Amino acid sequence: MSRISLVLVSTFIFVCSLTTGAAAESRLALVIGNSAYKTVPALPNPANDARAVEILLREAGFEVTLAPDLTQADMRRALRDFAAAVRAKGPDNVAVVYYAGHGVQIEGENYLVPVDANVEREADLAIEGVRLVDVMTALTTAPSRLRMVILDACRNNPFSNINKITGRGLAIVDAPEGSIVSYSTSPGMEALDGSGANSPFTGALIAVAREPNLPIEQAFKRVRLQVHKTTAGQQTPWESSSLISDFSFFTSAGSTPGPGPASGLAASAPAASGPAAASKTAAVPAGGAAAVKPGGTVIPVAKPAEYWRKLFQGRRVDEVFEVVILEDQVAAYEVFLSMFASSTYVPRVRTLLDRRREMMTWYTAVTVNTVLAFQAFLDRYPNSDLAETARRLRDRQQTRLQSANFTPSLPGGGGPQNATPVVPASLPAANCSCPAPQKKAEPAKPSPPTRTTSRPPRYLPPDTPMEPAGPRYRAPPVQVEIGVPLGGFGRRPSYPGPGMGPGMGSGPSEHSFPGQRY
């Protein structure tokens, strides 16, 4: 091979090595920005945010569908078409849904609000909105290597008729395996629309995500810290992650994804929790515990208080505060408050910790969905913005429980007041003043139906001896159970001998016995 050919081949290989990781996989994104609301004041930034994210994702190698100002029908159609496109690409793909606009939680359920939604009462939102769980379901039905939902949707509730009786912000949600859900602020908190061209969350996202080889979970941690600083603690993004593979928006040739540059105490904080894509395993962060699933996936476990106490010991308060915001763990917040009680950061950390505990308790209540669970929430947070919803759900479950424990009386009853209490079989009689329920006797099974048939007269040869004055013998009736196969039961019997009558066969009968002929 000539020297010129070698140079050309080497140049080609070098150029190929500079391509991003996006070329090795399919990347698809649906970007929705709802600004032009029809029944509530318009939002200025979602349209700008959607366009900025579209540019970011296209530069990262995504095939992007930009869908601004969608009605409910348009949103459902866009999600359906996007899921079909992801499914057509095969399982080795990355699917991203970005949504900017209004979002509301009702009874622990998160709803994205289309531009044509007309909500006058809470029940209207279930009809007019699009559930977040439906978005996640549309993605999980399409096999993907990684699924991502980014929600800049935690703005204030715009519907004046219900914003006093629903909870602030969005509720906690668990991301399905292989997924990550990012919120523009913490559960139960409200995000700012921003005074610039983009919201604080989206502005930070499009800046941080461009760093090469930055794992997605580390990227969202940095977004959280930047937004918290920009908004002076009014807004702190949050994410729920169940990733089983690594992902970076941008990669550089010949490098391995890592946590990126860091300094001070932040550099010694736990690394990204997502396991490596090839082996579906990951190294456990230093000083932390982990649980290993049967398939080999390592699921990081929240660090105990002792871990954070050792990490924070002898450090400056501002360094510790950055780590606390980056990691966003309850134990880290608690240790910070105990070690730096006089810090000026205490009010911020206290607000985050108290609201997180409240939303975790609320998540447990709506998940368990019992009278006792809702009452426990009310006992602990009687003045919460979710208290009215908790009372309504508690009363609803109480009504269902009463309906399940009482049966209508027989004719002449008159309603639940005359109903007969039903005692669960598992409840010991000694613990209940009600009479033990009597087990009803099972009705006797009816005998199988029978049919009485008379066999035709026996035709005997002329030389057969008979009683002198007796009539010809006729077989007695035979009791036969219906459905029991007896030879040719159900078919016309055949008779021996020719000429025994019209339609009678001449072969041996299936009911003949040795020495006898019918």
Protein backbone atom coordinates (compact mmCIF):
# COMPACT_ATOMS: atom_id res chain seq x y z
CA MET A 1 0.00 0.00 0.00
CA SER A 2 1.33 3.43 -0.88
CA ARG A 3 2.20 6.06 1.67
CA ILE A 4 -0.68 8.25 0.47
CA SER A 5 -3.16 5.42 1.01
CA LEU A 6 -1.87 4.84 4.53
CA VAL A 7 -2.27 8.52 5.32
CA LEU A 8 -5.85 8.51 4.02
CA VAL A 9 -6.77 5.41 5.99
CA SER A 10 -5.23 6.82 9.16
CA THR A 11 -7.11 10.09 8.69
CA PHE A 12 -10.38 8.24 8.20
CA ILE A 13 -9.88 6.20 11.38
CA PHE A 14 -9.02 9.34 13.34
CA VAL A 15 -12.12 11.16 12.12
CA CYS A 16 -14.31 8.19 13.01
CA SER A 17 -12.83 8.09 16.48
CA LEU A 18 -13.91 11.69 17.06
CA THR A 19 -17.58 10.95 16.50
CA THR A 20 -19.73 11.08 19.58
CA GLY A 21 -21.27 8.15 21.39
CA ALA A 22 -24.60 9.04 19.80
CA ALA A 23 -23.54 7.31 16.58
CA ALA A 24 -23.43 3.95 18.35
CA GLU A 25 -27.07 4.04 19.42
CA SER A 26 -30.41 5.44 18.37
CA ARG A 27 -31.42 8.58 20.22
CA LEU A 28 -34.95 9.92 20.03
CA ALA A 29 -36.60 12.81 21.86
CA LEU A 30 -40.05 14.33 22.15
CA VAL A 31 -39.93 17.98 23.29
CA ILE A 32 -43.20 19.63 24.42
CA GLY A 33 -43.50 23.28 25.38
CA ASN A 34 -46.95 24.48 26.47
CA SER A 35 -47.11 28.28 26.70
CA ALA A 36 -50.33 29.49 25.03
CA TYR A 37 -52.90 28.36 27.61
CA LYS A 38 -56.48 29.24 26.71
CA THR A 39 -58.24 29.36 30.09
CA VAL A 40 -55.37 30.52 32.33
CA PRO A 41 -52.61 33.12 31.86
CA ALA A 42 -50.02 32.14 29.28
CA LEU A 43 -46.51 31.14 30.33
CA PRO A 44 -43.74 33.02 28.50
CA ASN A 45 -40.84 30.61 28.91
CA PRO A 46 -41.95 27.03 28.03
CA ALA A 47 -41.87 27.77 24.29
CA ASN A 48 -38.35 29.21 24.63
CA ASP A 49 -37.27 26.35 26.87
CA ALA A 50 -38.52 23.75 24.38
CA ARG A 51 -36.60 25.33 21.51
CA ALA A 52 -33.41 25.54 23.59
CA VAL A 53 -33.68 21.87 24.60
CA GLU A 54 -34.38 20.90 20.99
CA ILE A 55 -31.08 22.52 19.92
CA LEU A 56 -29.21 20.80 22.76
CA LEU A 57 -30.57 17.37 21.91
CA ARG A 58 -29.98 17.72 18.17
CA GLU A 59 -26.36 18.61 18.86
CA ALA A 60 -26.17 15.51 21.08
CA GLY A 61 -27.27 13.30 18.20
CA PHE A 62 -31.00 12.98 18.93
CA GLU A 63 -33.80 12.77 16.41
CA VAL A 64 -36.05 15.43 17.93
CA THR A 65 -39.80 15.96 17.54
CA LEU A 66 -40.67 19.48 18.67
CA ALA A 67 -44.32 19.80 19.70
CA PRO A 68 -45.33 23.26 21.03
CA ASP A 69 -48.68 24.21 22.57
CA LEU A 70 -50.43 20.85 22.49
CA THR A 71 -54.07 20.18 23.31
CA GLN A 72 -54.95 17.02 25.20
CA ALA A 73 -55.73 15.13 21.99
CA ASP A 74 -52.47 16.35 20.46
CA MET A 75 -50.46 15.31 23.53
CA ARG A 76 -51.89 11.81 23.53
CA ARG A 77 -51.29 11.47 19.81
CA ALA A 78 -47.72 12.77 20.11
CA LEU A 79 -46.94 10.29 22.91
CA ARG A 80 -48.44 7.42 20.94
CA ASP A 81 -46.47 8.27 17.79
CA PHE A 82 -43.27 8.77 19.78
CA ALA A 83 -43.62 5.39 21.50
CA ALA A 84 -44.17 3.78 18.08
CA ALA A 85 -41.01 5.46 16.73
CA VAL A 86 -38.99 4.26 19.71
CA ARG A 87 -40.33 0.74 19.29
CA ALA A 88 -39.37 0.75 15.61
CA LYS A 89 -35.74 1.58 16.47
CA GLY A 90 -35.25 -1.58 18.49
CA PRO A 91 -34.13 -2.05 22.09
CA ASP A 92 -30.72 -0.33 21.79
CA ASN A 93 -31.98 3.23 21.98
CA VAL A 94 -32.25 6.19 24.33
CA ALA A 95 -35.68 7.83 24.58
CA VAL A 96 -36.18 11.28 26.12
CA VAL A 97 -39.41 13.17 26.81
CA TYR A 98 -39.01 16.81 27.84
CA TYR A 99 -42.06 18.77 29.02
CA ALA A 100 -42.26 22.45 29.93
CA GLY A 101 -45.57 23.89 31.07
CA HIS A 102 -48.05 23.55 33.91
CA GLY A 103 -48.21 20.44 36.08
CA VAL A 104 -50.56 19.71 38.98
CA GLN A 105 -50.90 16.94 41.54
CA ILE A 106 -54.33 15.64 42.53
CA GLU A 107 -54.68 12.97 45.24
CA GLY A 108 -51.05 11.96 44.85
CA GLU A 109 -51.29 11.69 41.05
CA ASN A 110 -49.29 14.02 38.78
CA TYR A 111 -50.94 15.57 35.72
CA LEU A 112 -49.44 17.49 32.82
CA VAL A 113 -51.78 20.27 31.68
CA PRO A 114 -52.58 20.71 27.95
CA VAL A 115 -53.21 24.21 26.63
CA ASP A 116 -56.97 23.57 26.19
CA ALA A 117 -57.60 22.28 29.73
CA ASN A 118 -60.64 23.84 31.41
CA VAL A 119 -60.55 22.88 35.08
CA GLU A 120 -63.20 24.09 37.50
CA ARG A 121 -63.00 21.29 40.06
CA GLU A 122 -60.50 18.59 40.96
CA ALA A 123 -62.36 15.85 39.11
CA ASP A 124 -62.01 17.82 35.86
CA LEU A 125 -58.26 17.39 35.81
CA ALA A 126 -58.53 13.62 35.44
CA ILE A 127 -60.56 14.29 32.27
CA GLU A 128 -58.76 17.35 30.94
CA GLY A 129 -55.14 16.51 31.84
CA VAL A 130 -52.56 13.88 30.89
CA ARG A 131 -51.29 11.67 33.70
CA LEU A 132 -47.55 11.42 34.16
CA VAL A 133 -47.95 7.69 34.70
CA ASP A 134 -49.41 7.45 31.17
CA VAL A 135 -46.28 9.13 29.80
CA MET A 136 -44.11 6.61 31.66
CA THR A 137 -46.28 3.73 30.47
CA ALA A 138 -45.99 4.85 26.85
CA LEU A 139 -42.19 4.75 27.20
CA THR A 140 -41.93 1.47 29.11
CA THR A 141 -44.00 -0.37 26.51
CA ALA A 142 -41.29 0.42 23.96
CA PRO A 143 -38.05 -1.49 24.72
CA SER A 144 -35.17 0.95 25.33
CA ARG A 145 -31.72 0.94 26.82
CA LEU A 146 -32.50 4.10 28.77
CA ARG A 147 -35.62 6.24 29.23
CA MET A 148 -35.59 9.80 30.50
CA VAL A 149 -38.42 12.17 31.44
CA ILE A 150 -37.47 15.79 32.17
CA LEU A 151 -40.22 17.90 33.74
CA ASP A 152 -40.00 21.68 33.97
CA ALA A 153 -43.59 21.56 35.15
CA CYS A 154 -43.65 22.36 38.85
CA ARG A 155 -44.92 25.92 38.47
CA ASN A 156 -47.75 27.21 40.64
CA ASN A 157 -51.24 25.76 40.18
CA PRO A 158 -52.95 28.11 37.69
CA PHE A 159 -56.53 27.03 38.41
CA SER A 160 -57.94 29.38 41.03
CA ASN A 161 -60.93 27.12 41.75
CA ILE A 162 -58.75 24.28 43.06
CA ASN A 163 -55.35 25.72 43.93
CA LYS A 164 -56.38 26.20 47.57
CA ILE A 165 -57.36 22.55 48.07
CA THR A 166 -54.64 20.69 46.14
CA GLY A 167 -51.05 20.20 47.15
CA ARG A 168 -48.28 22.45 45.93
CA GLY A 169 -45.91 21.21 43.27
CA LEU A 170 -45.80 17.60 42.13
CA ALA A 171 -45.85 14.36 44.10
CA ILE A 172 -43.04 11.85 44.46
CA VAL A 173 -42.92 9.18 41.75
CA ASP A 174 -40.75 6.10 41.43
CA ALA A 175 -38.97 5.78 38.09
CA PRO A 176 -39.32 2.33 36.48
CA GLU A 177 -36.17 0.28 36.04
CA GLY A 178 -33.99 1.70 33.30
CA SER A 179 -35.52 5.17 33.69
CA ILE A 180 -34.79 8.51 35.29
CA VAL A 181 -37.36 11.23 36.03
CA SER A 182 -36.04 14.75 36.65
CA TYR A 183 -38.11 17.52 38.26
CA SER A 184 -37.34 21.21 38.09
CA THR A 185 -37.79 21.44 41.87
CA SER A 186 -38.29 19.26 44.94
CA PRO A 187 -41.51 17.27 45.52
CA GLY A 188 -44.24 19.48 46.90
CA MET A 189 -42.41 22.68 45.95
CA GLU A 190 -43.05 25.21 43.19
CA ALA A 191 -40.62 26.18 40.43
CA LEU A 192 -40.03 29.64 39.04
CA ASP A 193 -40.80 30.50 35.43
CA GLY A 194 -37.83 32.86 35.43
CA SER A 195 -37.37 36.42 34.26
CA GLY A 196 -34.95 35.65 31.43
CA ALA A 197 -35.35 33.82 28.14
CA ASN A 198 -35.35 30.43 29.92
CA SER A 199 -36.46 29.07 33.25
CA PRO A 200 -33.72 28.59 35.89
CA PHE A 201 -33.93 24.81 35.50
CA THR A 202 -33.74 24.64 31.71
CA GLY A 203 -31.05 27.32 31.61
CA ALA A 204 -28.89 25.24 33.94
CA LEU A 205 -29.63 22.02 32.05
CA ILE A 206 -28.54 23.27 28.63
CA ALA A 207 -25.32 24.63 30.17
CA VAL A 208 -24.34 21.60 32.27
CA ALA A 209 -25.33 18.88 29.80
CA ARG A 210 -22.75 20.01 27.21
CA GLU A 211 -19.82 18.89 29.36
CA PRO A 212 -18.27 15.82 27.70
CA ASN A 213 -18.36 12.45 29.48
CA LEU A 214 -20.56 13.71 32.30
CA PRO A 215 -22.86 10.88 33.46
CA ILE A 216 -26.50 11.87 33.42
CA GLU A 217 -27.01 11.49 37.17
CA GLN A 218 -23.99 13.68 37.90
CA ALA A 219 -25.32 16.20 35.37
CA PHE A 220 -28.64 16.47 37.21
CA LYS A 221 -26.80 16.86 40.53
CA ARG A 222 -24.89 19.82 39.12
CA VAL A 223 -28.09 21.28 37.72
CA ARG A 224 -29.58 21.03 41.21
CA LEU A 225 -26.70 22.90 42.80
CA GLN A 226 -26.66 25.61 40.13
CA VAL A 227 -30.43 26.21 40.29
CA HIS A 228 -30.36 26.30 44.09
CA LYS A 229 -27.66 28.97 44.00
CA THR A 230 -29.34 30.97 41.21
CA THR A 231 -32.67 31.10 43.00
CA ALA A 232 -31.19 31.69 46.47
CA GLY A 233 -32.64 28.41 47.71
CA GLN A 234 -36.18 28.96 46.41
CA GLN A 235 -35.88 26.10 43.91
CA THR A 236 -33.95 22.84 44.27
CA PRO A 237 -34.36 20.28 41.43
CA TRP A 238 -34.85 16.62 42.25
CA GLU A 239 -34.76 13.33 40.36
CA SER A 240 -35.83 9.72 40.78
CA SER A 241 -33.43 7.28 39.13
CA SER A 242 -33.53 3.54 38.46
CA LEU A 243 -30.91 3.49 35.72
CA ILE A 244 -29.06 0.29 34.88
CA SER A 245 -26.72 1.81 32.26
CA ASP A 246 -24.57 4.89 31.86
CA PHE A 247 -25.37 7.82 29.60
CA SER A 248 -23.76 11.15 28.70
CA PHE A 249 -25.20 13.71 26.32
CA PHE A 250 -21.76 14.33 24.82
CA THR A 251 -18.61 12.23 24.77
CA SER A 252 -15.08 12.87 23.57
CA ALA A 253 -12.89 10.39 21.71
CA GLY A 254 -10.65 8.05 23.67
CA SER A 255 -12.08 8.96 27.06
CA THR A 256 -14.11 7.16 29.66
CA PRO A 257 -17.22 8.70 31.21
CA GLY A 258 -16.47 10.03 34.64
CA PRO A 259 -17.68 12.53 37.20
CA GLY A 260 -15.92 15.42 35.48
CA PRO A 261 -13.85 18.12 37.17
CA ALA A 262 -14.55 18.74 40.80
CA SER A 263 -12.75 20.41 43.63
CA GLY A 264 -12.73 20.40 47.38
CA LEU A 265 -15.13 18.19 49.32
CA ALA A 266 -17.41 17.72 46.29
CA ALA A 267 -14.69 15.65 44.65
CA SER A 268 -14.82 13.10 47.49
CA ALA A 269 -18.62 12.81 47.43
CA PRO A 270 -20.20 9.62 46.06
CA ALA A 271 -19.92 9.10 42.31
CA ALA A 272 -22.69 8.43 39.84
CA SER A 273 -24.95 5.58 40.88
CA GLY A 274 -25.69 4.18 37.43
CA PRO A 275 -23.90 0.90 36.61
CA ALA A 276 -21.85 0.41 33.48
CA ALA A 277 -23.80 -0.29 30.31
CA ALA A 278 -21.77 -3.23 29.09
CA SER A 279 -21.81 -5.38 32.21
CA LYS A 280 -24.79 -3.84 33.99
CA THR A 281 -22.67 -3.54 37.11
CA ALA A 282 -20.98 -0.67 38.84
CA ALA A 283 -18.43 -0.08 41.50
CA VAL A 284 -19.97 0.76 44.81
CA PRO A 285 -19.27 4.39 45.76
CA ALA A 286 -16.55 4.73 48.35
CA GLY A 287 -17.90 4.44 51.85
CA GLY A 288 -21.37 3.42 50.73
CA ALA A 289 -23.38 0.23 50.82
CA ALA A 290 -25.16 -1.38 47.92
CA ALA A 291 -27.68 -4.08 47.11
CA VAL A 292 -27.05 -6.48 44.24
CA LYS A 293 -30.05 -7.69 42.26
CA PRO A 294 -30.11 -11.23 40.78
CA GLY A 295 -29.08 -9.95 37.35
CA GLY A 296 -25.92 -8.37 38.77
CA THR A 297 -27.24 -4.79 38.85
CA VAL A 298 -25.85 -2.79 41.75
CA ILE A 299 -28.42 -0.56 43.42
CA PRO A 300 -26.78 2.05 45.69
CA VAL A 301 -28.26 2.35 49.14
CA ALA A 302 -28.62 5.67 50.96
CA LYS A 303 -25.58 6.42 53.09
CA PRO A 304 -26.03 6.25 56.88
CA ALA A 305 -25.56 9.23 59.15
CA GLU A 306 -22.13 8.01 60.29
CA TYR A 307 -20.82 8.16 56.74
CA TRP A 308 -21.85 11.81 56.35
CA ARG A 309 -20.56 12.73 59.79
CA LYS A 310 -17.09 11.41 58.97
CA LEU A 311 -17.12 13.11 55.56
CA PHE A 312 -18.12 16.50 57.00
CA GLN A 313 -15.76 16.41 59.97
CA GLY A 314 -13.25 19.31 59.87
CA ARG A 315 -14.65 20.81 56.64
CA ARG A 316 -15.79 24.34 55.93
CA VAL A 317 -19.54 24.87 56.10
CA ASP A 318 -19.82 26.14 52.53
CA GLU A 319 -18.08 23.00 51.19
CA VAL A 320 -20.36 20.77 53.23
CA PHE A 321 -23.43 22.68 52.10
CA GLU A 322 -22.57 22.12 48.42
CA VAL A 323 -22.24 18.38 48.97
CA VAL A 324 -25.53 18.28 50.87
CA ILE A 325 -27.36 19.95 47.98
CA LEU A 326 -25.58 17.83 45.36
CA GLU A 327 -26.48 14.55 47.05
CA ASP A 328 -29.95 15.56 48.26
CA GLN A 329 -30.27 12.80 50.88
CA VAL A 330 -32.31 13.00 54.06
CA ALA A 331 -29.49 11.65 56.26
CA ALA A 332 -27.07 14.26 54.88
CA TYR A 333 -29.54 17.06 55.65
CA GLU A 334 -29.99 15.78 59.21
CA VAL A 335 -26.25 15.55 59.88
CA PHE A 336 -25.71 19.05 58.48
CA LEU A 337 -28.31 20.50 60.84
CA SER A 338 -26.76 18.75 63.83
CA MET A 339 -23.16 19.72 63.00
CA PHE A 340 -23.71 23.28 61.73
CA ALA A 341 -26.68 24.48 63.75
CA SER A 342 -25.52 28.10 63.71
CA SER A 343 -24.90 28.29 59.95
CA THR A 344 -26.79 30.74 57.77
CA TYR A 345 -27.67 27.81 55.52
CA VAL A 346 -29.78 26.17 58.23
CA PRO A 347 -33.13 27.71 57.15
CA ARG A 348 -32.66 26.42 53.59
CA VAL A 349 -31.71 22.93 54.71
CA ARG A 350 -34.49 22.85 57.31
CA THR A 351 -37.09 23.77 54.68
CA LEU A 352 -35.84 21.10 52.29
CA LEU A 353 -35.72 18.43 54.99
CA ASP A 354 -39.13 19.16 56.48
CA ARG A 355 -40.88 19.23 53.10
CA ARG A 356 -39.10 16.07 51.96
CA ARG A 357 -40.23 14.20 55.07
CA GLU A 358 -43.76 15.43 54.57
CA MET A 359 -43.84 14.35 50.91
CA MET A 360 -42.36 10.96 51.78
CA THR A 361 -45.10 10.48 54.37
CA TRP A 362 -47.69 11.57 51.80
CA TYR A 363 -46.25 9.14 49.25
CA THR A 364 -46.58 6.33 51.79
CA ALA A 365 -50.18 7.30 52.60
CA VAL A 366 -51.41 7.34 49.00
CA THR A 367 -49.50 4.12 48.25
CA VAL A 368 -50.92 2.22 51.22
CA ASN A 369 -54.31 3.89 50.64
CA THR A 370 -55.99 2.98 53.92
CA VAL A 371 -57.90 4.88 56.60
CA LEU A 372 -55.05 4.45 59.09
CA ALA A 373 -52.42 5.65 56.60
CA PHE A 374 -54.28 8.88 55.83
CA GLN A 375 -55.06 9.44 59.51
CA ALA A 376 -51.38 8.99 60.37
CA PHE A 377 -50.51 11.68 57.83
CA LEU A 378 -53.13 14.03 59.31
CA ASP A 379 -51.91 13.38 62.85
CA ARG A 380 -48.40 14.35 61.83
CA TYR A 381 -49.21 17.20 59.41
CA PRO A 382 -52.66 18.59 60.35
CA ASN A 383 -51.96 21.98 58.72
CA SER A 384 -50.42 20.69 55.52
CA ASP A 385 -51.59 21.91 52.12
CA LEU A 386 -52.39 18.24 51.49
CA ALA A 387 -54.52 17.88 54.64
CA GLU A 388 -57.87 18.47 52.92
CA THR A 389 -57.06 15.89 50.27
CA ALA A 390 -55.97 13.45 53.00
CA ARG A 391 -59.28 13.91 54.84
CA ARG A 392 -61.26 13.32 51.67
CA LEU A 393 -59.31 10.16 50.84
CA ARG A 394 -59.60 8.94 54.43
CA ASP A 395 -63.37 9.43 54.42
CA ARG A 396 -63.65 7.72 51.05
CA GLN A 397 -61.80 4.67 52.33
CA GLN A 398 -63.92 4.69 55.49
CA THR A 399 -67.09 4.59 53.40
CA ARG A 400 -65.73 1.71 51.35
CA LEU A 401 -64.75 -0.14 54.52
CA GLN A 402 -68.24 0.25 55.97
CA SER A 403 -69.77 -0.97 52.73
CA ALA A 404 -67.48 -3.99 52.74
CA ASN A 405 -68.23 -4.87 56.40
CA PHE A 406 -72.04 -4.73 56.11
CA THR A 407 -74.43 -6.66 53.94
CA PRO A 408 -77.97 -5.49 53.06
CA SER A 409 -80.74 -6.97 55.17
CA LEU A 410 -83.34 -9.30 53.74
CA PRO A 411 -86.83 -8.04 52.69
CA GLY A 412 -88.24 -5.81 55.37
CA GLY A 413 -84.77 -4.50 56.20
CA GLY A 414 -84.55 -0.84 55.40
CA GLY A 415 -80.93 -0.01 54.71
CA PRO A 416 -77.53 -0.10 56.33
CA GLN A 417 -78.89 0.60 59.81
CA ASN A 418 -80.58 -2.79 59.76
CA ALA A 419 -77.71 -4.55 58.05
CA THR A 420 -76.03 -7.59 59.50
CA PRO A 421 -72.37 -7.11 60.43
CA VAL A 422 -69.95 -9.39 58.68
CA VAL A 423 -67.05 -10.52 60.89
CA PRO A 424 -63.89 -11.49 59.01
CA ALA A 425 -63.13 -15.17 59.34
CA SER A 426 -59.57 -14.37 60.44
CA LEU A 427 -60.76 -12.35 63.49
CA PRO A 428 -60.93 -14.48 66.68
CA ALA A 429 -64.37 -14.60 68.31
CA ALA A 430 -62.86 -13.54 71.64
CA ASN A 431 -61.87 -10.19 70.18
CA CYS A 432 -65.32 -9.33 68.88
CA SER A 433 -68.63 -8.85 70.66
CA CYS A 434 -70.51 -9.79 67.50
CA PRO A 435 -71.83 -13.33 67.23
CA ALA A 436 -69.57 -15.59 65.25
CA PRO A 437 -70.84 -16.07 61.72
CA GLN A 438 -72.53 -19.36 61.09
CA LYS A 439 -71.30 -21.28 58.12
CA LYS A 440 -74.15 -21.96 55.78
CA ALA A 441 -74.77 -25.57 54.95
CA GLU A 442 -74.12 -26.33 51.36
CA PRO A 443 -77.27 -27.40 49.53
CA ALA A 444 -77.44 -31.05 48.58
CA LYS A 445 -76.41 -31.70 45.06
CA PRO A 446 -79.38 -32.81 42.96
CA SER A 447 -79.32 -36.33 41.60
CA PRO A 448 -78.43 -36.53 37.94
CA PRO A 449 -81.50 -36.50 35.71
CA THR A 450 -82.71 -39.89 34.58
CA ARG A 451 -84.79 -41.10 31.74
CA THR A 452 -87.08 -44.12 31.87
CA THR A 453 -87.09 -46.17 28.71
CA SER A 454 -88.82 -49.38 27.80
CA ARG A 455 -87.09 -51.85 25.65
CA PRO A 456 -89.01 -53.27 22.70
CA PRO A 457 -90.63 -56.72 23.11
CA ARG A 458 -88.39 -59.73 22.93
CA TYR A 459 -88.91 -61.61 19.70
CA LEU A 460 -88.18 -65.28 20.30
CA PRO A 461 -87.97 -68.13 17.80
CA PRO A 462 -91.24 -70.10 17.36
CA ASP A 463 -89.80 -73.25 18.97
CA THR A 464 -88.83 -71.48 22.20
CA PRO A 465 -90.78 -72.99 25.14
CA MET A 466 -93.04 -70.58 26.98
CA GLU A 467 -95.44 -70.62 29.85
CA PRO A 468 -98.73 -72.00 28.48
CA ALA A 469 -100.98 -69.05 29.30
CA GLY A 470 -98.39 -66.32 29.72
CA PRO A 471 -98.02 -63.35 27.42
CA ARG A 472 -94.91 -62.71 25.48
CA TYR A 473 -92.17 -61.43 27.75
CA ARG A 474 -91.51 -57.63 27.80
CA ALA A 475 -88.33 -56.33 29.33
CA PRO A 476 -88.82 -54.23 32.46
CA PRO A 477 -88.05 -50.45 32.36
CA VAL A 478 -84.33 -49.58 32.64
CA GLN A 479 -83.07 -46.51 34.56
CA VAL A 480 -80.24 -44.87 32.59
CA GLU A 481 -78.31 -41.75 33.62
CA ILE A 482 -78.22 -39.10 30.95
CA GLY A 483 -74.78 -38.56 29.61
CA VAL A 484 -73.45 -42.01 30.50
CA PRO A 485 -72.37 -43.71 27.29
CA LEU A 486 -73.95 -47.14 27.01
CA GLY A 487 -72.98 -48.54 23.69
CA GLY A 488 -75.15 -46.84 21.14
CA PHE A 489 -77.28 -44.77 23.55
CA GLY A 490 -78.80 -41.90 21.74
CA ARG A 491 -78.78 -43.68 18.38
CA ARG A 492 -81.53 -45.75 16.85
CA PRO A 493 -81.06 -49.41 17.98
CA SER A 494 -80.58 -52.09 15.39
CA TYR A 495 -82.31 -55.41 15.54
CA PRO A 496 -81.21 -58.83 14.31
CA GLY A 497 -82.91 -60.49 11.48
CA PRO A 498 -84.38 -59.09 8.34
CA GLY A 499 -87.84 -57.74 7.99
CA MET A 500 -88.32 -56.77 11.59
CA GLY A 501 -90.06 -53.57 10.71
CA PRO A 502 -89.53 -50.47 8.64
CA GLY A 503 -86.21 -48.76 9.23
CA MET A 504 -84.83 -51.53 11.40
CA GLY A 505 -81.30 -52.74 10.76
CA SER A 506 -80.25 -56.29 10.21
CA GLY A 507 -76.99 -56.34 12.14
CA PRO A 508 -76.45 -57.46 15.70
CA SER A 509 -77.68 -55.02 18.32
CA GLU A 510 -75.19 -53.13 20.50
CA HIS A 511 -77.43 -54.06 23.42
CA SER A 512 -77.48 -57.82 22.72
CA PHE A 513 -76.29 -60.24 25.33
CA PRO A 514 -74.95 -63.79 24.93
CA GLY A 515 -77.80 -66.14 24.13
CA GLN A 516 -80.30 -63.30 23.76
CA ARG A 517 -81.44 -61.33 20.77
CA TYR A 518 -83.68 -58.31 20.68
